[in-house]
Protein backbone atom coordinates (compact mmCIF):
# COMPACT_ATOMS: atom_id res chain seq x y z
CA MET A 1 0.00 0.00 0.00
CA LEU A 2 2.72 2.45 1.01
CA ARG A 3 4.78 1.61 -2.07
CA SER A 4 1.83 2.34 -4.35
CA LEU A 5 1.20 5.71 -2.64
CA VAL A 6 4.85 6.66 -3.01
CA LEU A 7 4.80 5.59 -6.66
CA VAL A 8 1.66 7.66 -7.37
CA ALA A 9 3.17 10.70 -5.67
CA CYS A 10 6.44 10.34 -7.60
CA LEU A 11 4.65 9.93 -10.92
CA ALA A 12 2.45 12.96 -10.25
CA LEU A 13 5.45 15.08 -9.27
CA ALA A 14 7.30 13.98 -12.39
CA ALA A 15 4.29 15.02 -14.46
CA GLY A 16 4.33 18.47 -12.82
CA SER A 17 1.08 18.12 -10.89
CA CYS A 18 0.24 17.69 -7.24
CA PRO A 19 -1.41 14.40 -6.22
CA PHE A 20 -3.11 16.16 -3.30
CA LEU A 21 -4.82 18.85 -5.42
CA GLY A 22 -6.65 16.49 -7.75
CA GLY A 23 -3.86 16.50 -10.33
CA LYS A 24 -3.74 20.29 -10.60
CA SER A 25 -0.75 22.49 -10.04
CA GLY A 26 -0.83 24.50 -6.81
CA GLN A 27 0.67 27.53 -8.55
CA GLY A 28 -2.68 29.04 -9.52
CA LEU A 29 -3.79 29.10 -5.87
CA GLN A 30 -1.22 31.72 -4.93
CA ASN A 31 -1.96 35.41 -4.77
CA PRO A 32 -1.19 36.80 -8.26
CA HIS A 33 -0.06 40.12 -6.75
CA LYS A 34 2.75 38.62 -4.69
CA ARG A 35 6.24 39.01 -6.04
CA ARG A 36 7.64 35.97 -7.75
CA LEU A 37 11.14 34.64 -7.32
CA VAL A 38 13.03 34.64 -10.57
CA ALA A 39 16.10 32.50 -11.07
CA ALA A 40 19.21 34.62 -11.42
CA ALA A 41 22.90 34.04 -11.45
CA PRO A 42 24.28 33.44 -7.92
CA GLN A 43 26.39 36.59 -8.06
CA ALA A 44 23.41 38.71 -9.10
CA ARG A 45 21.41 37.35 -6.17
CA ARG A 46 24.21 38.25 -3.74
CA LEU A 47 24.44 41.77 -5.07
CA SER A 48 20.69 42.40 -4.90
CA LEU A 49 20.19 41.49 -1.24
CA GLY A 50 21.15 44.90 0.10
CA PHE A 51 22.86 43.59 3.22
CA ASN A 52 25.98 41.66 4.14
CA VAL A 53 24.95 38.03 4.66
CA THR A 54 28.25 37.09 6.29
CA ALA A 55 27.94 39.89 8.86
CA VAL A 56 24.35 38.86 9.65
CA LYS A 57 25.43 35.24 10.13
CA GLU A 58 28.21 36.35 12.47
CA ASP A 59 25.78 38.46 14.52
CA ILE A 60 23.32 35.56 14.78
CA GLY A 61 26.17 33.28 15.81
CA GLY A 62 26.99 35.76 18.55
CA ILE A 63 23.57 35.44 20.20
CA LEU A 64 23.20 31.66 19.85
CA ALA A 65 25.53 30.53 22.60
CA ASN A 66 23.98 31.52 25.93
CA GLU A 67 24.28 29.90 29.36
CA THR A 68 20.68 30.78 30.27
CA ALA A 69 19.24 29.02 27.20
CA ASP A 70 18.17 25.39 27.12
CA PHE A 71 21.35 23.32 26.75
CA GLY A 72 23.36 26.56 26.62
CA HIS A 73 22.29 27.45 23.07
CA HIS A 74 19.45 29.41 21.41
CA GLY A 75 19.61 27.41 18.16
CA ALA A 76 16.47 25.37 18.86
CA PHE A 77 14.65 28.56 19.91
CA LEU A 78 15.52 30.21 16.58
CA ILE A 79 14.35 27.13 14.67
CA ARG A 80 11.08 27.18 16.62
CA LEU A 81 10.58 30.85 15.70
CA ALA A 82 11.18 30.14 12.01
CA TRP A 83 8.89 27.10 12.11
CA HIS A 84 6.02 28.98 13.73
CA CYS A 85 6.52 32.01 11.50
CA SER A 86 6.32 29.90 8.34
CA GLY A 87 3.33 28.04 9.80
CA THR A 88 1.20 31.18 9.54
CA TYR A 89 1.16 30.97 5.72
CA ARG A 90 -2.35 30.83 4.27
CA THR A 91 -2.80 29.02 0.98
CA SER A 92 -6.18 30.70 0.50
CA ASP A 93 -4.67 34.10 -0.33
CA GLY A 94 -0.90 33.56 -0.27
CA ARG A 95 -0.36 35.73 2.79
CA GLY A 96 1.35 35.07 6.07
CA GLY A 97 4.44 33.02 6.58
CA CYS A 98 7.76 34.75 7.09
CA ASP A 99 7.07 37.21 4.28
CA GLY A 100 6.61 40.31 6.45
CA ALA A 101 7.22 38.33 9.64
CA ARG A 102 3.62 38.79 10.74
CA ILE A 103 4.35 36.61 13.77
CA ARG A 104 5.50 39.86 15.43
CA PHE A 105 1.93 41.21 15.41
CA ASP A 106 -1.49 40.16 16.67
CA PRO A 107 -3.24 37.84 16.19
CA GLU A 108 -0.30 35.49 15.41
CA ASN A 109 1.78 36.90 18.25
CA SER A 110 -0.88 36.11 20.84
CA TRP A 111 -1.59 32.55 19.72
CA GLU A 112 -0.91 30.04 22.47
CA ASP A 113 1.39 27.99 20.22
CA ASN A 114 3.63 31.03 19.76
CA ALA A 115 4.08 31.67 23.48
CA GLY A 116 7.60 32.76 24.41
CA LEU A 117 8.69 33.61 20.87
CA ASN A 118 8.83 37.32 21.75
CA GLU A 119 12.02 36.53 23.68
CA MET A 120 13.72 35.37 20.48
CA LEU A 121 12.38 38.37 18.58
CA ASP A 122 13.87 40.61 21.30
CA LEU A 123 17.26 38.92 20.79
CA LEU A 124 17.03 39.54 17.04
CA ARG A 125 16.01 43.23 17.25
CA PRO A 126 19.59 44.59 17.65
CA ILE A 127 20.71 42.53 14.63
CA LYS A 128 17.83 43.91 12.56
CA ALA A 129 18.70 47.45 13.65
CA ASN A 130 22.40 47.02 12.73
CA HIS A 131 21.82 45.85 9.16
CA GLU A 132 20.12 48.29 6.83
CA GLY A 133 18.15 46.51 4.11
CA LEU A 134 17.64 43.36 6.19
CA SER A 135 13.95 42.47 6.45
CA TRP A 136 12.38 40.60 9.34
CA GLY A 137 11.43 37.81 6.94
CA ASP A 138 15.07 37.45 5.87
CA LEU A 139 16.28 37.53 9.46
CA ILE A 140 13.85 34.95 10.80
């Protein structure tokens, strides 16, 4: 049974359709007004970001190790923030998720599942302030 499900899913993906949407592509369900990612040369992508990725990584690395955090490290906390932020994406209209980092605002911020994530956002605020051009969505 499991093998046949995997085979059907693989065949549908190879054909460019989603087996969970009745054979249709999920692309038409997205908001047509949202910006689309366009493949570009790696160097062009680096130049268009508007902030220094290496410096941001170093700053994030500086806040990760912390004796007061679980197991002495905030890595799992940052992953939880990213997971919950992306979990707010709505397929109905293509909004939510980390685009705009709406997890910082109500109602997402006050959801019980997101309890305690303000602490991680507070740790990230100085990094956001130090890097012009860095969006909250990019940071999270």
